Amino acid sequence: MGLVEGGKITLREAGEKLGVSYRQAKRIWRAVKQKGAKGLIHGNVGRPPPNRISERLRQQGLNLSRKVYEKFNDTHFTEMLVDREEVVLSRETVRKWCRGAGIEPKRKRRTPKHRKRRERMAQEGAMVLWDGSPHRWFGTEYPACCLMAAMDDARGKLLAARFFPFEGSVGYLWLLEQMVLSYGIPGTIYQDRHGALHRNDSHWSLQEQLAGRQEPTQVGLALEALGIRPLFALSPQAKGRVERLFGTLQDRLGAELELEGITTLQDANRFLKRFINRFNRRFALAPQQEEKAWRAAPKNLDRMISFRYHATVGNDNTVRLGGLVIDISPGPRQRSYAKAKVEVRQLLTGAWQVYYQNQLIAKHAPTPLRQSERVLPRKKPSAPGISSYQWVYLASAPPKEQDTGVTKSA
């Protein structure tokens, strides 16, 4: 402005050199003449902005982050402030406060590797992804358990979830039943090669050799009965969406379980019902097509989603499975079923049903659900080199003193 005052350049030329408009140059020139060099300083310098968040609220947020929500990430913490503390703050404000106070982020993000993205299905119900996540969900001082969950591929919606002592057939059958009852039958289920889902053994019975394929697992039999096509992933990266789901659940659900003081499977499963609704409101997406691909559930769903065994009725008209004995009442005209080949089903309620030629001929009271095993029968094979592996009812996993905690009302 000294050049302007000396008459060497015009005020318009000074504005061009300063990068401001002519009107702004006139304002600056007027302020300089009134206040000297101080006129170049903006009037709001040193003044707190009118929308500045109070220091008291900042300290309150930092105290909550350190003492109450220390296991929560920045976004989750921001949501909890709204839901539980009735404090509305932006995620970026919370992040700046925490980093400025030396509070490290909960998880350090690694640079992701380049992978080809699989497009989501267009319709809800066209594909479901499910898996189990063994983890110390209740904290390092408590034993690990397994959260099993199913999600819709088109929406990323959590369809069903439940804690079990371990990942196995009981959990997958429970997920399948809950999903079908709540939504319907999906077209495809994308899954890994866990032993409950995929036959990983090299044993072939004579019937399997004649058919040219191995009989599926107990879960696979249920999928076949419902007409659901299984797709098997060859690596964790191939089922990245469900892996990321469990990453989010370990981050958020684990923190909320600790906040609520939950340390048992029963309490955690009750809490899950509320958590799933909130989770879906936050993360579920809109599908590309509004029309849904779910198919209606059949009437005999409880039989289709159950454990299946083949047995031979004894001379005393009983069926024996391990230590379980099921009495067979006489058939029409006092018929005896001795030596008859029957199909035995254990429903997810624990109850037993015996079928002969697709007709129900006997029932038995519920017993605890146990994992089944595929083993050789005691009798010798009918021909050299021919094995006859079959599903048998064994309390093999978990140990006998443990229980799955699954009931129909759960």
Protein backbone atom coordinates (compact mmCIF):
# COMPACT_ATOMS: atom_id res chain seq x y z
CA MET A 1 0.00 0.00 0.00
CA GLY A 2 3.05 2.24 0.28
CA LEU A 3 3.29 2.35 -3.54
CA VAL A 4 -0.31 3.48 -3.70
CA GLU A 5 0.34 6.17 -1.12
CA GLY A 6 3.37 7.36 -3.12
CA GLY A 7 1.28 7.53 -6.29
CA LYS A 8 3.43 4.98 -8.13
CA ILE A 9 0.59 2.52 -8.80
CA THR A 10 -3.16 2.75 -8.76
CA LEU A 11 -5.37 1.09 -6.18
CA ARG A 12 -6.71 -1.24 -8.88
CA GLU A 13 -3.16 -2.35 -9.74
CA ALA A 14 -2.44 -2.90 -6.03
CA GLY A 15 -5.54 -5.11 -5.78
CA GLU A 16 -4.33 -7.23 -8.70
CA LYS A 17 -0.93 -7.66 -7.05
CA LEU A 18 -2.58 -8.68 -3.77
CA GLY A 19 -4.98 -11.06 -5.52
CA VAL A 20 -8.11 -9.31 -4.26
CA SER A 21 -10.93 -7.48 -5.99
CA TYR A 22 -10.96 -3.72 -6.46
CA ARG A 23 -13.69 -3.36 -3.82
CA GLN A 24 -11.65 -5.36 -1.31
CA ALA A 25 -8.57 -3.28 -2.15
CA LYS A 26 -10.57 -0.14 -1.34
CA ARG A 27 -11.58 -1.62 2.05
CA ILE A 28 -7.97 -2.51 2.87
CA TRP A 29 -6.77 0.97 1.81
CA ARG A 30 -9.39 2.60 4.03
CA ALA A 31 -8.42 0.42 7.03
CA VAL A 32 -4.70 1.16 6.54
CA LYS A 33 -5.35 4.89 6.51
CA GLN A 34 -7.35 4.61 9.76
CA LYS A 35 -5.29 2.02 11.73
CA GLY A 36 -1.98 1.82 9.95
CA ALA A 37 -0.41 -1.68 9.51
CA LYS A 38 -2.91 -3.16 12.00
CA GLY A 39 -5.63 -2.55 9.45
CA LEU A 40 -4.27 -5.50 7.45
CA ILE A 41 -5.20 -7.95 10.24
CA HIS A 42 -8.70 -9.45 10.08
CA GLY A 43 -10.98 -8.26 12.86
CA ASN A 44 -11.86 -11.80 14.01
CA VAL A 45 -8.25 -12.79 14.70
CA GLY A 46 -7.96 -13.93 18.32
CA ARG A 47 -11.71 -14.09 18.86
CA PRO A 48 -13.30 -17.50 19.62
CA PRO A 49 -15.83 -18.53 16.94
CA PRO A 50 -19.48 -18.29 18.05
CA ASN A 51 -20.08 -22.00 17.28
CA ARG A 52 -17.06 -23.24 19.23
CA ILE A 53 -17.72 -26.29 21.43
CA SER A 54 -17.13 -25.54 25.09
CA GLU A 55 -14.04 -26.81 26.87
CA ARG A 56 -16.28 -28.45 29.49
CA LEU A 57 -17.97 -30.59 26.81
CA ARG A 58 -14.60 -31.52 25.31
CA GLN A 59 -13.31 -32.71 28.68
CA GLN A 60 -16.54 -34.64 29.26
CA GLY A 61 -16.13 -36.40 25.91
CA LEU A 62 -12.49 -37.28 26.59
CA ASN A 63 -13.33 -38.65 30.06
CA LEU A 64 -16.06 -40.86 28.57
CA SER A 65 -13.66 -42.08 25.89
CA ARG A 66 -11.01 -43.01 28.47
CA LYS A 67 -13.19 -44.49 31.23
CA VAL A 68 -16.43 -45.80 29.70
CA TYR A 69 -16.00 -46.25 25.95
CA GLU A 70 -12.30 -47.12 25.78
CA LYS A 71 -13.05 -50.20 23.61
CA PHE A 72 -15.09 -48.22 21.05
CA ASN A 73 -13.74 -46.87 17.76
CA ASP A 74 -14.32 -43.20 16.84
CA THR A 75 -17.47 -43.78 14.79
CA HIS A 76 -18.99 -46.21 17.28
CA PHE A 77 -18.14 -43.86 20.17
CA THR A 78 -19.84 -40.98 18.34
CA GLU A 79 -22.99 -43.08 17.92
CA MET A 80 -22.98 -44.09 21.59
CA LEU A 81 -22.71 -40.43 22.61
CA VAL A 82 -25.97 -39.79 20.76
CA ASP A 83 -27.80 -42.95 21.90
CA ARG A 84 -26.73 -43.12 25.55
CA GLU A 85 -25.39 -39.67 26.53
CA GLU A 86 -27.62 -37.45 24.30
CA VAL A 87 -24.54 -35.58 23.08
CA VAL A 88 -24.46 -34.79 19.36
CA LEU A 89 -20.95 -34.42 17.93
CA SER A 90 -19.45 -35.12 14.53
CA ARG A 91 -17.13 -38.07 14.07
CA GLU A 92 -14.32 -35.75 12.90
CA THR A 93 -14.63 -33.63 16.07
CA VAL A 94 -14.37 -36.74 18.23
CA ARG A 95 -11.39 -37.99 16.22
CA LYS A 96 -9.50 -34.68 16.57
CA TRP A 97 -10.18 -34.53 20.29
CA CYS A 98 -8.97 -38.09 20.90
CA ARG A 99 -5.85 -37.85 18.75
CA GLY A 100 -5.01 -34.46 20.23
CA ALA A 101 -5.30 -35.90 23.75
CA GLY A 102 -3.03 -38.84 22.89
CA ILE A 103 -5.82 -41.46 22.68
CA GLU A 104 -4.74 -43.88 19.97
CA PRO A 105 -7.22 -45.33 17.45
CA LYS A 106 -8.63 -48.71 18.40
CA ARG A 107 -7.36 -50.40 15.23
CA LYS A 108 -4.50 -49.41 12.98
CA ARG A 109 -5.50 -49.57 9.34
CA ARG A 110 -3.13 -51.37 7.01
CA THR A 111 -2.79 -50.49 3.38
CA PRO A 112 -5.20 -52.88 1.62
CA LYS A 113 -3.97 -55.20 -1.08
CA HIS A 114 -5.50 -54.89 -4.50
CA ARG A 115 -8.26 -57.44 -5.03
CA LYS A 116 -11.00 -57.70 -7.59
CA ARG A 117 -14.37 -56.80 -6.15
CA ARG A 118 -17.31 -59.14 -6.65
CA GLU A 119 -20.52 -57.30 -7.49
CA ARG A 120 -23.34 -57.73 -5.00
CA MET A 121 -26.39 -59.71 -5.96
CA ALA A 122 -29.20 -57.52 -7.27
CA GLN A 123 -32.02 -59.07 -5.21
CA GLU A 124 -32.37 -59.69 -1.52
CA GLY A 125 -32.45 -63.43 -0.91
CA ALA A 126 -30.51 -64.38 -4.04
CA MET A 127 -27.38 -65.19 -2.02
CA VAL A 128 -26.66 -65.56 1.68
CA LEU A 129 -23.21 -65.68 3.28
CA TRP A 130 -22.68 -67.40 6.62
CA ASP A 131 -19.76 -68.29 8.84
CA GLY A 132 -18.62 -68.67 12.43
CA SER A 133 -16.15 -66.51 14.34
CA PRO A 134 -14.36 -68.12 17.32
CA HIS A 135 -13.22 -65.27 19.56
CA ARG A 136 -12.96 -64.19 23.20
CA TRP A 137 -16.17 -62.21 22.89
CA PHE A 138 -16.53 -61.52 26.62
CA GLY A 139 -12.94 -60.44 27.24
CA THR A 140 -9.55 -62.08 27.59
CA GLU A 141 -10.37 -63.43 31.06
CA TYR A 142 -13.26 -65.53 29.71
CA PRO A 143 -13.04 -68.59 27.44
CA ALA A 144 -13.59 -68.19 23.72
CA CYS A 145 -16.91 -69.03 22.11
CA CYS A 146 -18.22 -68.79 18.56
CA LEU A 147 -20.58 -66.22 17.08
CA MET A 148 -22.34 -67.70 14.07
CA ALA A 149 -24.08 -65.34 11.68
CA ALA A 150 -25.77 -65.17 8.29
CA MET A 151 -25.98 -62.05 6.11
CA ASP A 152 -27.71 -61.17 2.85
CA ASP A 153 -25.29 -60.42 0.01
CA ALA A 154 -27.43 -57.82 -1.76
CA ARG A 155 -28.00 -55.63 1.29
CA GLY A 156 -25.29 -56.58 3.77
CA LYS A 157 -28.15 -57.17 6.21
CA LEU A 158 -27.58 -59.35 9.25
CA LEU A 159 -30.27 -62.04 8.98
CA ALA A 160 -29.58 -64.17 12.05
CA ALA A 161 -26.84 -64.50 14.65
CA ARG A 162 -26.26 -66.50 17.82
CA PHE A 163 -23.44 -67.46 20.18
CA PHE A 164 -22.52 -71.15 20.45
CA PRO A 165 -19.77 -72.92 22.39
CA PHE A 166 -18.13 -73.89 19.09
CA GLU A 167 -18.70 -73.77 15.33
CA GLY A 168 -20.61 -76.83 14.15
CA SER A 169 -23.66 -78.37 12.54
CA VAL A 170 -26.02 -77.34 15.36
CA GLY A 171 -25.23 -73.67 14.83
CA TYR A 172 -25.56 -73.77 11.06
CA LEU A 173 -28.88 -75.64 11.22
CA TRP A 174 -30.15 -73.11 13.76
CA LEU A 175 -29.14 -70.22 11.47
CA LEU A 176 -30.84 -71.91 8.53
CA GLU A 177 -34.10 -72.43 10.40
CA GLN A 178 -34.21 -68.88 11.76
CA MET A 179 -33.44 -67.38 8.36
CA VAL A 180 -36.09 -69.44 6.54
CA LEU A 181 -38.74 -68.73 9.17
CA SER A 182 -38.02 -64.97 9.17
CA TYR A 183 -37.40 -64.35 5.47
CA GLY A 184 -37.73 -67.45 3.30
CA ILE A 185 -35.48 -69.82 1.38
CA PRO A 186 -32.49 -68.19 -0.39
CA GLY A 187 -31.23 -69.26 -3.79
CA THR A 188 -27.57 -69.79 -2.84
CA ILE A 189 -25.46 -69.94 0.30
CA TYR A 190 -21.79 -68.93 0.03
CA GLN A 191 -19.65 -70.69 2.64
CA ASP A 192 -16.20 -72.00 3.46
CA ARG A 193 -15.08 -75.62 3.67
CA HIS A 194 -15.61 -76.12 7.38
CA GLY A 195 -16.19 -79.76 8.28
CA ALA A 196 -19.82 -79.05 9.18
CA LEU A 197 -20.45 -77.74 5.67
CA HIS A 198 -18.17 -79.72 3.36
CA ARG A 199 -17.05 -83.35 3.33
CA ASN A 200 -13.28 -83.13 3.67
CA ASP A 201 -12.68 -86.87 4.08
CA SER A 202 -11.75 -89.42 1.43
CA HIS A 203 -14.14 -92.16 2.58
CA TRP A 204 -16.72 -93.46 0.11
CA SER A 205 -19.45 -95.93 0.92
CA LEU A 206 -20.65 -98.41 -1.67
CA GLN A 207 -23.79 -96.34 -2.24
CA GLU A 208 -21.69 -93.22 -2.78
CA GLN A 209 -19.45 -94.99 -5.25
CA LEU A 210 -22.46 -96.15 -7.21
CA ALA A 211 -23.98 -92.65 -7.13
CA GLY A 212 -20.68 -91.03 -8.13
CA ARG A 213 -20.68 -88.48 -5.30
CA GLN A 214 -20.18 -88.28 -1.55
CA GLU A 215 -23.24 -87.78 0.62
CA PRO A 216 -23.25 -84.21 1.99
CA THR A 217 -22.84 -83.27 5.61
CA GLN A 218 -25.87 -82.94 7.87
CA VAL A 219 -26.07 -79.25 6.94
CA GLY A 220 -25.59 -80.11 3.28
CA LEU A 221 -28.50 -82.57 3.46
CA ALA A 222 -30.73 -79.80 4.82
CA LEU A 223 -29.65 -77.44 2.04
CA GLU A 224 -30.42 -80.14 -0.54
CA ALA A 225 -33.86 -80.72 0.94
CA LEU A 226 -34.65 -77.00 0.67
CA GLY A 227 -33.23 -76.67 -2.85
CA ILE A 228 -30.45 -74.26 -1.80
CA ARG A 229 -27.30 -74.32 -3.93
CA PRO A 230 -24.08 -74.25 -1.85
CA LEU A 231 -21.04 -72.36 -3.14
CA PHE A 232 -17.69 -73.06 -1.48
CA ALA A 233 -15.01 -70.40 -1.09
CA LEU A 234 -11.40 -71.48 -1.52
CA SER A 235 -9.86 -68.72 0.64
CA PRO A 236 -10.88 -66.21 3.34
CA GLN A 237 -10.45 -63.41 0.79
CA ALA A 238 -13.06 -65.02 -1.46
CA LYS A 239 -15.70 -64.50 1.22
CA GLY A 240 -14.46 -61.05 2.12
CA ARG A 241 -17.88 -59.57 2.90
CA VAL A 242 -18.68 -61.98 5.71
CA GLU A 243 -15.08 -61.68 6.98
CA ARG A 244 -15.49 -57.90 7.15
CA LEU A 245 -18.84 -58.41 8.88
CA PHE A 246 -17.12 -60.32 11.70
CA GLY A 247 -14.39 -57.70 11.86
CA THR A 248 -17.07 -55.08 12.46
CA LEU A 249 -18.89 -57.29 14.96
CA GLN A 250 -15.71 -58.01 16.93
CA ASP A 251 -15.11 -54.28 17.04
CA ARG A 252 -18.61 -53.10 17.95
CA LEU A 253 -20.39 -56.05 19.55
CA GLY A 254 -17.45 -56.96 21.78
CA ALA A 255 -17.29 -53.41 23.10
CA GLU A 256 -21.04 -53.26 23.77
CA LEU A 257 -21.04 -56.63 25.55
CA GLU A 258 -18.34 -55.36 27.89
CA LEU A 259 -20.21 -52.08 28.39
CA GLU A 260 -23.34 -54.02 29.39
CA GLY A 261 -21.36 -56.37 31.65
CA ILE A 262 -22.45 -59.47 29.68
CA THR A 263 -20.29 -62.57 30.19
CA THR A 264 -22.57 -65.56 29.42
CA LEU A 265 -23.94 -67.08 26.22
CA GLN A 266 -27.54 -66.79 27.40
CA ASP A 267 -27.31 -63.07 28.21
CA ALA A 268 -25.35 -62.39 25.03
CA ASN A 269 -27.97 -64.10 22.87
CA ARG A 270 -30.74 -62.05 24.46
CA PHE A 271 -28.74 -58.88 23.82
CA LEU A 272 -28.19 -59.87 20.18
CA LYS A 273 -31.87 -59.38 19.33
CA ARG A 274 -31.64 -55.65 20.11
CA PHE A 275 -28.17 -55.30 18.62
CA ILE A 276 -29.15 -56.80 15.24
CA ASN A 277 -31.93 -54.24 14.71
CA ARG A 278 -29.58 -51.35 15.43
CA PHE A 279 -26.81 -52.89 13.34
CA ASN A 280 -29.06 -53.24 10.30
CA ARG A 281 -30.35 -49.68 10.60
CA ARG A 282 -26.74 -48.50 10.54
CA PHE A 283 -25.18 -50.76 7.90
CA ALA A 284 -27.84 -52.38 5.68
CA LEU A 285 -27.92 -51.11 2.08
CA ALA A 286 -30.74 -50.71 -0.42
CA PRO A 287 -30.80 -53.55 -3.00
CA GLN A 288 -30.47 -52.84 -6.71
CA GLN A 289 -33.88 -54.44 -7.31
CA GLU A 290 -36.87 -54.13 -5.00
CA GLU A 291 -38.26 -57.57 -5.89
CA LYS A 292 -37.02 -60.19 -3.41
CA ALA A 293 -35.73 -63.65 -4.30
CA TRP A 294 -36.78 -65.46 -1.12
CA ARG A 295 -38.93 -68.57 -1.63
CA ALA A 296 -41.74 -69.56 0.72
CA ALA A 297 -40.92 -71.99 3.55
CA PRO A 298 -42.42 -75.52 3.34
CA LYS A 299 -44.82 -76.90 5.95
CA ASN A 300 -42.49 -79.69 7.15
CA LEU A 301 -39.56 -77.36 7.77
CA ASP A 302 -38.70 -78.88 11.17
CA ARG A 303 -38.09 -82.29 9.56
CA MET A 304 -36.08 -80.86 6.65
CA ILE A 305 -33.78 -78.91 8.97
CA SER A 306 -32.76 -81.65 11.37
CA PHE A 307 -30.15 -84.34 11.98
CA ARG A 308 -30.70 -87.41 9.80
CA TYR A 309 -29.68 -91.00 10.60
CA HIS A 310 -30.37 -94.38 9.01
CA ALA A 311 -31.03 -97.33 11.26
CA THR A 312 -32.40 -100.86 11.30
CA VAL A 313 -35.19 -101.78 13.70
CA GLY A 314 -34.14 -104.53 16.13
CA ASN A 315 -35.98 -107.76 16.80
CA ASP A 316 -37.46 -106.12 19.91
CA ASN A 317 -38.95 -103.33 17.73
CA THR A 318 -36.57 -100.68 19.01
CA VAL A 319 -34.14 -98.33 17.32
CA ARG A 320 -30.85 -97.82 19.13
CA LEU A 321 -28.63 -94.79 18.55
CA GLY A 322 -25.71 -94.77 20.96
CA GLY A 323 -27.31 -94.95 24.39
CA LEU A 324 -30.70 -93.80 23.07
CA VAL A 325 -33.46 -96.40 22.69
CA ILE A 326 -36.64 -95.56 20.75
CA ASP A 327 -39.56 -97.99 21.04
CA ILE A 328 -41.57 -98.66 17.86
CA SER A 329 -45.26 -99.29 18.40
CA PRO A 330 -47.04 -101.94 16.30
CA GLY A 331 -48.11 -100.85 12.84
CA PRO A 332 -51.41 -101.47 11.05
CA ARG A 333 -52.83 -104.92 11.85
CA GLN A 334 -50.29 -105.29 14.67
CA ARG A 335 -47.47 -105.27 12.17
CA SER A 336 -43.91 -105.70 13.46
CA TYR A 337 -41.15 -103.40 12.10
CA ALA A 338 -38.30 -105.74 13.06
CA LYS A 339 -35.43 -105.63 10.50
CA ALA A 340 -37.04 -102.65 8.71
CA LYS A 341 -34.75 -99.89 7.39
CA VAL A 342 -35.90 -96.59 8.90
CA GLU A 343 -34.90 -92.94 8.87
CA VAL A 344 -34.42 -91.29 12.26
CA ARG A 345 -34.58 -87.51 12.65
CA GLN A 346 -33.55 -85.37 15.61
CA LEU A 347 -35.24 -82.00 15.35
CA LEU A 348 -33.64 -78.80 16.59
CA THR A 349 -35.95 -79.00 19.62
CA GLY A 350 -34.06 -82.19 20.54
CA ALA A 351 -37.15 -84.34 19.86
CA TRP A 352 -36.84 -87.56 17.84
CA GLN A 353 -38.97 -88.88 14.99
CA VAL A 354 -38.73 -92.23 13.18
CA TYR A 355 -39.97 -92.64 9.60
CA TYR A 356 -40.62 -95.80 7.63
CA GLN A 357 -41.32 -95.32 3.92
CA ASN A 358 -41.88 -91.63 4.62
CA GLN A 359 -44.51 -92.35 7.29
CA LEU A 360 -44.02 -91.29 10.91
CA ILE A 361 -44.07 -94.42 13.07
CA ALA A 362 -42.47 -93.33 16.38
CA LYS A 363 -41.48 -90.36 18.50
CA HIS A 364 -39.18 -89.84 21.46
CA ALA A 365 -38.80 -87.08 24.04
CA PRO A 366 -36.12 -84.41 23.44
CA THR A 367 -32.50 -85.10 24.32
CA PRO A 368 -29.56 -82.66 24.12
CA LEU A 369 -28.39 -81.85 20.60
CA ARG A 370 -25.01 -83.43 19.86
CA GLN A 371 -22.72 -83.41 16.89
CA SER A 372 -23.00 -86.47 14.62
CA GLU A 373 -19.99 -88.32 13.22
CA ARG A 374 -19.48 -90.30 10.04
CA VAL A 375 -17.83 -93.60 10.98
CA LEU A 376 -17.64 -97.24 9.94
CA PRO A 377 -20.29 -99.54 11.44
CA ARG A 378 -19.12 -102.37 13.67
CA LYS A 379 -20.00 -105.15 11.26
CA LYS A 380 -17.48 -106.25 8.63
CA PRO A 381 -17.75 -104.86 5.09
CA SER A 382 -19.78 -106.89 2.60
CA ALA A 383 -16.86 -107.10 0.15
CA PRO A 384 -13.10 -106.47 0.26
CA GLY A 385 -12.17 -102.83 -0.32
CA ILE A 386 -15.75 -101.63 0.21
CA SER A 387 -16.43 -99.41 3.21
CA SER A 388 -19.86 -98.42 4.43
CA TYR A 389 -19.41 -95.17 6.32
CA GLN A 390 -22.59 -93.69 7.75
CA TRP A 391 -23.76 -90.92 10.05
CA VAL A 392 -24.02 -92.08 13.65
CA TYR A 393 -25.28 -90.29 16.75
CA LEU A 394 -22.34 -89.72 19.10
CA ALA A 395 -21.74 -87.27 21.91
CA SER A 396 -18.35 -86.56 20.41
CA ALA A 397 -18.15 -82.76 20.39
CA PRO A 398 -18.70 -81.00 22.69
CA PRO A 399 -17.95 -83.31 25.66
CA LYS A 400 -20.92 -84.85 27.43
CA GLU A 401 -20.98 -82.36 30.29
CA GLN A 402 -21.41 -79.46 27.84
CA ASP A 403 -24.64 -78.49 26.18
CA THR A 404 -25.37 -76.37 23.12
CA GLY A 405 -28.09 -74.38 24.87
CA VAL A 406 -30.31 -74.53 21.78
CA THR A 407 -34.05 -74.75 22.27
CA LYS A 408 -36.95 -74.13 19.97
CA SER A 409 -38.06 -71.07 21.90
CA ALA A 410 -34.61 -69.45 21.66
